[in-house]
């Protein structure tokens, strides 16, 4: 008899009840160790759950739309005599009728509950997209989608020619199809949106040609998080500037040596070290409010989040224990995590546990901006491109390289005087790099 292995969801960190957005295998598929089985989507990132071993899928125990946590069953895997036949590519596989029916039922039930829970706003001017559309073509000729998506579209009775694809070269993914079935998100009620009215919908096509392009996955995930932070946190931004003339000379020396070893030394590594020193000097910046908003949780670790620009939008991977690492080590980790971010390979653990975030636009430009606090953190540092400016040294104006910094903070936790002291301490460190090693 074949050896059966129960495959379940591994430890997801602080996440629980994470929705399943995609299933990559069907019953009978042969998989290798580390092949993706399902994809989960939290409010911060999407993550593939890999197979722990090679084998044949004998039973699926999860469907698209299910909410799973650590230990939730995924599938049953026969590991005896694995890999005796090749597995077809994922986009050429079609789910069996039972799985497809389960997906159909789950999606239609979700759409029904959504419609019952939140009625459409009275100000809506255009007809909503219905979950079921009549008469789709049998083969969807000319549509850029895989057989699995085509089959699910037929089961859901949705016309794929009316679905916009967000995959490579406009390919329609299962996620695009399910989003079409669910229809546009209904406006929140007064209780849900704290009484903030929604912007009325408009039919822009009345005024001229339009094109609809779906938001990227990162934008769909980060948007609600930014919205929550902006609505819940009373933001204040304090601006300062640091003279980094001497630091930049030293940085260039380190960078020249680092190039030969395949990595770069940027100003960001120094900003991270200076931020840790400032967090240690002003520990309130390294805290978070309790859920009851009546106490502060002070952290004794120093994990710094770094906003990374990717083709699909900004993500914030976290570099851990920055207080225990030097400029060289931090620079190497920054290079590695930035590459993972651009390749879309960041996992949930790469995005968790940050104490303080740095958003750098130095490679682009600007004179200042107001970064949004990355809740549940209480502050975030924004920096823009440094510029040479005349600075009075007591006897004459001399050219110095000045770096503008913008510190946004939660005014419930931090007042203006404390923010000014934090920013000045950080700038003071950057102005004489020797202070970072004492």
Protein backbone atom coordinates (compact mmCIF):
# COMPACT_ATOMS: atom_id res chain seq x y z
CA UNK A 1 0.00 0.00 0.00
CA UNK A 2 1.27 3.53 -0.70
CA UNK A 3 2.51 5.60 2.24
CA UNK A 4 0.02 8.40 2.93
CA UNK A 5 1.15 11.73 4.35
CA UNK A 6 -1.20 14.37 5.71
CA UNK A 7 -0.03 17.78 4.52
CA UNK A 8 -1.14 20.75 6.61
CA UNK A 9 -0.51 24.48 6.78
CA UNK A 10 2.85 25.26 8.44
CA UNK A 11 3.44 27.99 11.03
CA UNK A 12 2.38 31.31 9.49
CA UNK A 13 3.73 33.48 12.29
CA UNK A 14 1.09 35.84 13.70
CA UNK A 15 -1.44 35.12 10.96
CA UNK A 16 -4.61 33.07 11.35
CA UNK A 17 -7.64 32.39 9.15
CA UNK A 18 -5.78 33.32 5.96
CA UNK A 19 -7.82 32.83 2.77
CA UNK A 20 -6.83 30.30 0.11
CA UNK A 21 -6.71 32.19 -3.20
CA UNK A 22 -5.33 29.51 -5.50
CA UNK A 23 -4.87 25.73 -5.64
CA UNK A 24 -2.01 24.56 -7.83
CA UNK A 25 -2.64 20.79 -7.82
CA UNK A 26 -5.45 18.35 -8.43
CA UNK A 27 -6.05 14.77 -7.39
CA UNK A 28 -3.65 12.49 -9.24
CA UNK A 29 -0.93 15.08 -9.77
CA UNK A 30 2.65 14.03 -9.12
CA UNK A 31 4.61 16.68 -7.22
CA UNK A 32 8.20 17.15 -6.16
CA UNK A 33 9.39 18.43 -2.80
CA UNK A 34 9.01 22.23 -2.59
CA UNK A 35 6.49 22.36 -5.45
CA UNK A 36 3.74 24.90 -4.60
CA UNK A 37 0.47 23.33 -3.47
CA UNK A 38 -1.73 26.31 -2.60
CA UNK A 39 -1.38 30.08 -2.34
CA UNK A 40 -2.54 32.03 0.71
CA UNK A 41 -3.10 35.77 0.84
CA UNK A 42 -2.82 37.81 4.04
CA UNK A 43 -3.25 41.57 4.36
CA UNK A 44 0.48 41.98 3.65
CA UNK A 45 1.55 39.37 1.12
CA UNK A 46 0.73 36.23 -0.81
CA UNK A 47 2.58 33.03 0.06
CA UNK A 48 2.86 29.65 -1.63
CA UNK A 49 2.70 26.59 0.63
CA UNK A 50 5.23 24.06 -0.73
CA UNK A 51 4.99 20.29 -0.69
CA UNK A 52 7.05 18.77 2.16
CA UNK A 53 7.94 15.72 0.04
CA UNK A 54 7.59 14.13 -3.38
CA UNK A 55 4.46 12.12 -4.03
CA UNK A 56 1.05 11.85 -5.66
CA UNK A 57 -1.93 13.90 -4.54
CA UNK A 58 -4.63 11.46 -3.49
CA UNK A 59 -7.11 13.78 -1.82
CA UNK A 60 -7.68 17.54 -1.62
CA UNK A 61 -8.94 18.85 1.69
CA UNK A 62 -9.18 22.56 0.94
CA UNK A 63 -10.96 24.75 -1.62
CA UNK A 64 -10.50 28.27 -2.93
CA UNK A 65 -11.97 30.73 -0.43
CA UNK A 66 -11.38 28.55 2.65
CA UNK A 67 -9.82 30.26 5.67
CA UNK A 68 -6.88 28.31 7.06
CA UNK A 69 -4.48 28.59 10.00
CA UNK A 70 -1.49 26.64 11.28
CA UNK A 71 -2.30 22.93 11.17
CA UNK A 72 -5.26 23.18 8.80
CA UNK A 73 -5.33 20.16 6.44
CA UNK A 74 -4.41 20.82 2.81
CA UNK A 75 -4.27 17.42 1.13
CA UNK A 76 -3.31 13.77 1.42
CA UNK A 77 -0.05 12.85 -0.31
CA UNK A 78 0.96 9.30 -1.35
CA UNK A 79 4.74 9.31 -1.02
CA UNK A 80 5.41 5.67 -2.04
CA UNK A 81 6.74 5.40 -5.60
CA UNK A 82 6.63 9.12 -6.15
CA UNK A 83 7.61 10.85 -9.37
CA UNK A 84 7.04 7.85 -11.61
CA UNK A 85 5.30 10.05 -14.14
CA UNK A 86 5.67 13.71 -15.02
CA UNK A 87 3.13 16.23 -13.88
CA UNK A 88 1.46 18.49 -16.41
CA UNK A 89 2.14 22.19 -16.07
CA UNK A 90 -0.23 23.92 -13.69
CA UNK A 91 -1.83 26.09 -16.32
CA UNK A 92 -2.64 22.99 -18.40
CA UNK A 93 -4.40 21.13 -15.61
CA UNK A 94 -8.11 21.25 -15.03
CA UNK A 95 -9.72 20.60 -11.64
CA UNK A 96 -11.97 17.57 -11.37
CA UNK A 97 -15.67 18.16 -11.40
CA UNK A 98 -15.96 17.77 -7.61
CA UNK A 99 -13.30 20.43 -6.91
CA UNK A 100 -14.65 22.80 -9.54
CA UNK A 101 -18.14 22.42 -8.10
CA UNK A 102 -16.76 23.18 -4.65
CA UNK A 103 -15.08 26.31 -5.95
CA UNK A 104 -18.26 27.40 -7.69
CA UNK A 105 -20.32 26.90 -4.55
CA UNK A 106 -17.79 28.69 -2.36
CA UNK A 107 -17.54 31.71 -4.63
CA UNK A 108 -21.28 32.00 -5.20
CA UNK A 109 -21.93 31.70 -1.46
CA UNK A 110 -19.34 34.40 -0.75
CA UNK A 111 -20.96 36.67 -3.33
CA UNK A 112 -24.41 36.04 -1.84
CA UNK A 113 -23.27 36.80 1.72
CA UNK A 114 -21.50 39.95 0.56
CA UNK A 115 -24.60 41.16 -1.22
CA UNK A 116 -26.81 40.45 1.83
CA UNK A 117 -24.41 41.97 4.33
CA UNK A 118 -23.84 45.31 2.56
CA UNK A 119 -26.47 46.72 0.21
CA UNK A 120 -25.23 48.76 -2.74
CA UNK A 121 -25.14 52.54 -2.15
CA UNK A 122 -28.10 54.57 -3.30
CA UNK A 123 -25.82 56.92 -5.21
CA UNK A 124 -24.54 54.25 -7.56
CA UNK A 125 -25.05 55.44 -11.13
CA UNK A 126 -24.00 52.43 -13.15
CA UNK A 127 -25.35 48.90 -13.04
CA UNK A 128 -23.21 46.54 -10.97
CA UNK A 129 -21.54 43.53 -12.52
CA UNK A 130 -23.66 40.48 -11.79
CA UNK A 131 -22.16 37.26 -10.51
CA UNK A 132 -23.69 35.30 -13.35
CA UNK A 133 -23.55 36.41 -16.96
CA UNK A 134 -25.51 34.74 -19.70
CA UNK A 135 -24.23 32.94 -22.72
CA UNK A 136 -20.43 32.81 -22.58
CA UNK A 137 -18.76 31.27 -25.62
CA UNK A 138 -17.94 27.62 -25.15
CA UNK A 139 -14.23 27.88 -25.95
CA UNK A 140 -13.54 31.62 -25.27
CA UNK A 141 -11.64 31.92 -28.54
CA UNK A 142 -8.90 34.53 -28.40
CA UNK A 143 -8.94 34.78 -24.60
CA UNK A 144 -5.52 34.59 -22.89
CA UNK A 145 -6.25 32.10 -20.08
CA UNK A 146 -5.29 28.58 -19.06
CA UNK A 147 -7.58 25.54 -19.32
CA UNK A 148 -8.23 25.53 -15.56
CA UNK A 149 -9.46 29.11 -15.62
CA UNK A 150 -11.56 28.41 -18.73
CA UNK A 151 -13.24 25.45 -17.08
CA UNK A 152 -13.98 27.39 -13.89
CA UNK A 153 -15.44 30.22 -16.02
CA UNK A 154 -17.78 27.75 -17.72
CA UNK A 155 -18.83 26.36 -14.33
CA UNK A 156 -19.49 29.89 -13.04
CA UNK A 157 -21.18 30.88 -16.33
CA UNK A 158 -18.93 33.93 -16.74
CA UNK A 159 -17.85 35.41 -20.08
CA UNK A 160 -14.03 35.49 -20.00
CA UNK A 161 -13.97 38.00 -22.84
CA UNK A 162 -15.31 40.56 -20.35
CA UNK A 163 -12.64 39.85 -17.71
CA UNK A 164 -9.46 41.93 -17.50
CA UNK A 165 -6.29 39.88 -16.96
CA UNK A 166 -3.62 40.92 -14.44
CA UNK A 167 -1.17 38.12 -15.25
CA UNK A 168 1.84 38.28 -17.57
CA UNK A 169 0.93 39.78 -20.96
CA UNK A 170 -2.66 40.25 -19.81
CA UNK A 171 -3.23 36.58 -18.93
CA UNK A 172 -6.45 36.01 -17.01
CA UNK A 173 -5.76 34.34 -13.67
CA UNK A 174 -8.15 32.51 -11.38
CA UNK A 175 -7.98 35.53 -9.09
CA UNK A 176 -9.18 37.81 -11.90
CA UNK A 177 -12.08 35.47 -12.58
CA UNK A 178 -13.13 35.27 -8.93
CA UNK A 179 -12.91 39.06 -8.58
CA UNK A 180 -15.27 39.35 -11.56
CA UNK A 181 -17.72 36.95 -9.92
CA UNK A 182 -17.70 38.82 -6.62
CA UNK A 183 -18.33 42.10 -8.42
CA UNK A 184 -17.28 45.58 -7.28
CA UNK A 185 -16.80 46.04 -3.56
CA UNK A 186 -19.81 47.58 -1.94
CA UNK A 187 -19.44 50.89 -0.10
CA UNK A 188 -19.08 50.50 3.69
CA UNK A 189 -21.92 51.47 5.95
CA UNK A 190 -21.59 54.39 8.34
CA UNK A 191 -20.62 52.00 11.13
CA UNK A 192 -18.01 50.27 9.02
CA UNK A 193 -16.50 53.45 7.58
CA UNK A 194 -16.75 55.61 10.71
CA UNK A 195 -19.37 57.74 8.92
CA UNK A 196 -17.04 58.67 6.04
CA UNK A 197 -19.09 58.78 2.84
CA UNK A 198 -17.85 56.98 -0.24
CA UNK A 199 -16.93 58.92 -3.38
CA UNK A 200 -19.90 58.49 -5.75
CA UNK A 201 -19.28 56.18 -8.70
CA UNK A 202 -19.03 57.79 -12.12
CA UNK A 203 -19.23 56.53 -15.67
CA UNK A 204 -16.11 58.16 -17.11
CA UNK A 205 -16.73 56.62 -20.52
CA UNK A 206 -19.39 59.31 -21.05
CA UNK A 207 -16.62 61.88 -21.37
CA UNK A 208 -14.19 60.02 -23.60
CA UNK A 209 -12.30 56.76 -24.16
CA UNK A 210 -11.24 54.91 -20.99
CA UNK A 211 -9.25 51.80 -20.16
CA UNK A 212 -9.57 49.74 -16.99
CA UNK A 213 -6.43 48.10 -15.59
CA UNK A 214 -6.69 46.09 -12.36
CA UNK A 215 -4.53 47.07 -9.41
CA UNK A 216 -1.45 44.96 -8.82
CA UNK A 217 -1.51 42.36 -6.04
CA UNK A 218 0.73 44.57 -3.87
CA UNK A 219 -1.56 47.56 -4.32
CA UNK A 220 -4.63 45.51 -3.42
CA UNK A 221 -2.91 44.28 -0.26
CA UNK A 222 -1.25 47.49 0.90
CA UNK A 223 -4.14 49.83 0.09
CA UNK A 224 -6.44 48.78 2.97
CA UNK A 225 -3.49 48.79 5.40
CA UNK A 226 -2.53 52.35 4.42
CA UNK A 227 -6.16 53.43 4.60
CA UNK A 228 -6.53 52.02 8.13
CA UNK A 229 -3.33 53.73 9.26
CA UNK A 230 -4.35 57.08 7.81
CA UNK A 231 -7.84 56.95 9.35
CA UNK A 232 -6.78 55.69 12.78
CA UNK A 233 -3.51 57.53 13.42
CA UNK A 234 -3.28 61.31 13.96
CA UNK A 235 -0.26 61.92 11.73
CA UNK A 236 2.22 64.73 12.24
CA UNK A 237 5.41 65.13 10.17
CA UNK A 238 8.57 66.81 11.46
CA UNK A 239 11.25 67.90 8.97
CA UNK A 240 14.98 68.30 9.53
CA UNK A 241 18.22 67.94 7.56
CA UNK A 242 21.62 66.36 8.13
CA UNK A 243 25.03 67.35 6.82
CA UNK A 244 26.28 64.05 5.34
CA UNK A 245 29.32 65.44 3.53
CA UNK A 246 31.86 63.43 5.55
CA UNK A 247 29.62 60.34 5.76
CA UNK A 248 29.29 60.24 1.98
CA UNK A 249 33.08 60.22 1.52
CA UNK A 250 33.34 57.23 3.86
CA UNK A 251 30.36 55.50 2.21
CA UNK A 252 31.96 55.80 -1.22
CA UNK A 253 35.14 54.15 0.09
CA UNK A 254 33.14 51.21 1.49
CA UNK A 255 31.07 50.96 -1.68
CA UNK A 256 34.14 50.78 -3.91
CA UNK A 257 35.41 47.79 -1.94
CA UNK A 258 31.96 46.17 -1.81
CA UNK A 259 31.48 46.24 -5.59
CA UNK A 260 34.30 43.73 -5.97
CA UNK A 261 32.37 41.35 -3.68
CA UNK A 262 29.06 41.73 -5.50
CA UNK A 263 27.07 44.08 -3.25
CA UNK A 264 26.66 47.84 -2.71
CA UNK A 265 26.92 50.11 0.31
CA UNK A 266 24.24 52.79 0.22
CA UNK A 267 23.20 55.55 2.58
CA UNK A 268 20.30 53.36 3.72
CA UNK A 269 22.57 51.12 5.80
CA UNK A 270 23.82 54.16 7.74
CA UNK A 271 20.27 55.43 8.18
CA UNK A 272 19.29 52.09 9.69
CA UNK A 273 22.17 52.15 12.18
CA UNK A 274 21.43 55.76 13.12
CA UNK A 275 17.72 54.93 13.53
CA UNK A 276 18.52 52.11 15.95
CA UNK A 277 20.63 54.47 18.05
CA UNK A 278 17.76 56.98 18.10
CA UNK A 279 15.27 54.25 19.04
CA UNK A 280 17.51 53.25 21.94
CA UNK A 281 17.83 56.86 23.07
CA UNK A 282 14.08 57.50 22.75
CA UNK A 283 12.39 54.12 23.45
CA UNK A 284 8.87 55.49 23.03
CA UNK A 285 9.53 55.38 19.27
CA UNK A 286 10.13 51.62 19.63
CA UNK A 287 6.70 50.93 21.09
CA UNK A 288 3.15 50.16 20.02
CA UNK A 289 -0.22 50.95 21.56
CA UNK A 290 -2.15 48.11 23.14
CA UNK A 291 -5.46 47.16 21.53
CA UNK A 292 -7.27 49.04 24.31
CA UNK A 293 -5.17 52.16 23.54
CA UNK A 294 -4.47 52.62 27.25
CA UNK A 295 -0.84 51.44 27.46
CA UNK A 296 2.36 51.13 25.44
CA UNK A 297 4.21 47.94 24.58
CA UNK A 298 7.95 48.67 24.60
CA UNK A 299 10.10 46.41 22.41
CA UNK A 300 13.62 45.28 23.30
CA UNK A 301 14.52 44.29 19.74
CA UNK A 302 15.36 46.43 16.74
CA UNK A 303 13.92 45.18 13.45
CA UNK A 304 13.85 47.87 10.76
CA UNK A 305 11.43 47.83 7.82
CA UNK A 306 12.67 49.20 4.50
CA UNK A 307 10.29 50.30 1.74
CA UNK A 308 11.44 48.70 -1.53
CA UNK A 309 10.24 49.88 -4.93
CA UNK A 310 9.14 47.00 -7.18
CA UNK A 311 7.42 46.93 -10.60
CA UNK A 312 4.11 46.22 -8.83
CA UNK A 313 4.47 48.80 -6.03
CA UNK A 314 6.14 49.31 -2.67
CA UNK A 315 6.72 46.45 -0.22
CA UNK A 316 8.33 46.68 3.23
CA UNK A 317 10.63 43.76 4.06
CA UNK A 318 12.15 43.74 7.54
CA UNK A 319 15.85 43.50 8.42
CA UNK A 320 16.12 41.89 11.85
CA UNK A 321 18.44 42.72 14.77
CA UNK A 322 20.00 45.73 13.09
CA UNK A 323 21.59 46.67 16.43
CA UNK A 324 23.77 43.55 16.23
CA UNK A 325 25.01 44.07 12.66
CA UNK A 326 27.58 46.30 11.02
CA UNK A 327 27.30 48.36 7.84
CA UNK A 328 28.79 45.57 5.73
CA UNK A 329 26.33 42.91 6.94
CA UNK A 330 23.34 45.24 6.69
CA UNK A 331 24.30 46.20 3.13
CA UNK A 332 24.53 42.55 2.08
CA UNK A 333 21.12 41.75 3.59
CA UNK A 334 19.59 44.83 1.96
CA UNK A 335 20.82 43.67 -1.44
CA UNK A 336 19.44 40.16 -0.93
CA UNK A 337 16.02 41.23 0.37
CA UNK A 338 15.64 43.89 -2.35
CA UNK A 339 16.25 41.24 -5.02
CA UNK A 340 13.64 38.96 -3.41
CA UNK A 341 11.16 41.83 -3.34
CA UNK A 342 11.64 42.70 -7.00
CA UNK A 343 11.29 39.00 -7.95
CA UNK A 344 8.10 38.66 -5.89
CA UNK A 345 9.65 36.00 -3.64
CA UNK A 346 9.16 37.60 -0.24
CA UNK A 347 7.43 35.36 2.31
CA UNK A 348 5.24 36.37 5.25
CA UNK A 349 8.14 36.12 7.70
CA UNK A 350 10.11 38.62 5.58
CA UNK A 351 7.40 41.23 6.25
CA UNK A 352 6.71 40.68 9.95
CA UNK A 353 8.03 42.11 13.19
CA UNK A 354 9.14 45.60 12.17
CA UNK A 355 9.64 48.25 14.86
CA UNK A 356 10.37 51.28 12.69
CA UNK A 357 10.24 51.87 8.93
CA UNK A 358 12.45 53.87 6.55
CA UNK A 359 11.11 55.03 3.20
CA UNK A 360 13.85 56.38 0.95
CA UNK A 361 13.19 58.28 -2.27
CA UNK A 362 16.81 59.33 -2.59
CA UNK A 363 17.24 57.64 -5.93
CA UNK A 364 14.33 59.60 -7.40
CA UNK A 365 14.33 63.09 -5.92
CA UNK A 366 12.09 65.48 -4.02
CA UNK A 367 12.52 67.96 -1.18
CA UNK A 368 10.35 66.25 1.44
CA UNK A 369 7.16 64.24 1.89
CA UNK A 370 4.79 62.85 4.53
CA UNK A 371 5.22 59.06 4.82
CA UNK A 372 2.27 57.19 6.35
CA UNK A 373 3.02 55.44 9.65
CA UNK A 374 3.18 51.68 9.16
CA UNK A 375 0.79 50.65 11.97
CA UNK A 376 1.12 49.20 14.57
CA UNK A 377 4.44 51.08 14.56
CA UNK A 378 4.30 54.66 15.85
CA UNK A 379 6.77 56.42 13.54
CA UNK A 380 8.35 56.26 10.09
CA UNK A 381 11.35 58.05 8.58
CA UNK A 382 11.26 59.43 5.05
CA UNK A 383 14.35 60.64 3.19
CA UNK A 384 14.77 62.24 -0.23
CA UNK A 385 17.74 63.04 -2.43
CA UNK A 386 20.62 64.89 -0.78
CA UNK A 387 21.79 68.12 -2.38
CA UNK A 388 24.81 70.40 -2.15
CA UNK A 389 23.95 73.70 -0.43
CA UNK A 390 25.89 76.66 0.96
CA UNK A 391 26.24 76.36 4.73
CA UNK A 392 27.63 79.07 7.02
CA UNK A 393 30.58 77.78 9.07
CA UNK A 394 31.03 80.89 11.15
CA UNK A 395 33.28 82.75 8.75
CA UNK A 396 32.08 81.87 5.26
CA UNK A 397 29.54 79.86 3.26
CA UNK A 398 30.94 76.47 2.26
CA UNK A 399 29.39 73.78 0.04
CA UNK A 400 27.99 70.88 2.10
CA UNK A 401 25.96 67.81 1.14
CA UNK A 402 22.63 68.12 2.97
CA UNK A 403 20.09 65.32 3.43
CA UNK A 404 16.42 66.29 4.09
CA UNK A 405 14.60 63.92 6.46
CA UNK A 406 10.87 63.72 7.24
CA UNK A 407 9.71 61.99 10.43
CA UNK A 408 5.99 61.10 10.60
CA UNK A 409 4.67 59.97 13.97
CA UNK A 410 1.55 58.98 15.90
CA UNK A 411 0.64 62.07 17.93
CA UNK A 412 -1.21 59.92 20.49
CA UNK A 413 2.15 58.48 21.54
CA UNK A 414 4.73 61.09 20.53
CA UNK A 415 4.56 64.86 20.93
CA UNK A 416 6.29 67.44 18.77
CA UNK A 417 9.17 68.12 21.16
CA UNK A 418 10.07 64.42 21.40
CA UNK A 419 9.89 64.07 17.61
CA UNK A 420 12.22 67.05 17.16
CA UNK A 421 14.73 65.55 19.61
CA UNK A 422 14.60 62.17 17.87
CA UNK A 423 15.17 63.71 14.44
CA UNK A 424 18.00 65.93 15.67
CA UNK A 425 19.70 62.98 17.42
CA UNK A 426 19.51 60.96 14.20
CA UNK A 427 20.88 63.83 12.10
CA UNK A 428 23.65 64.44 14.67
CA UNK A 429 24.79 60.83 14.26
CA UNK A 430 24.79 61.07 10.47
CA UNK A 431 26.86 64.23 10.61
CA UNK A 432 29.69 62.44 12.41
CA UNK A 433 29.72 58.73 11.64
CA UNK A 434 32.16 58.07 14.50
CA UNK A 435 29.29 58.51 16.94
CA UNK A 436 27.66 55.34 15.58
CA UNK A 437 30.48 53.15 16.89
CA UNK A 438 30.59 54.44 20.48
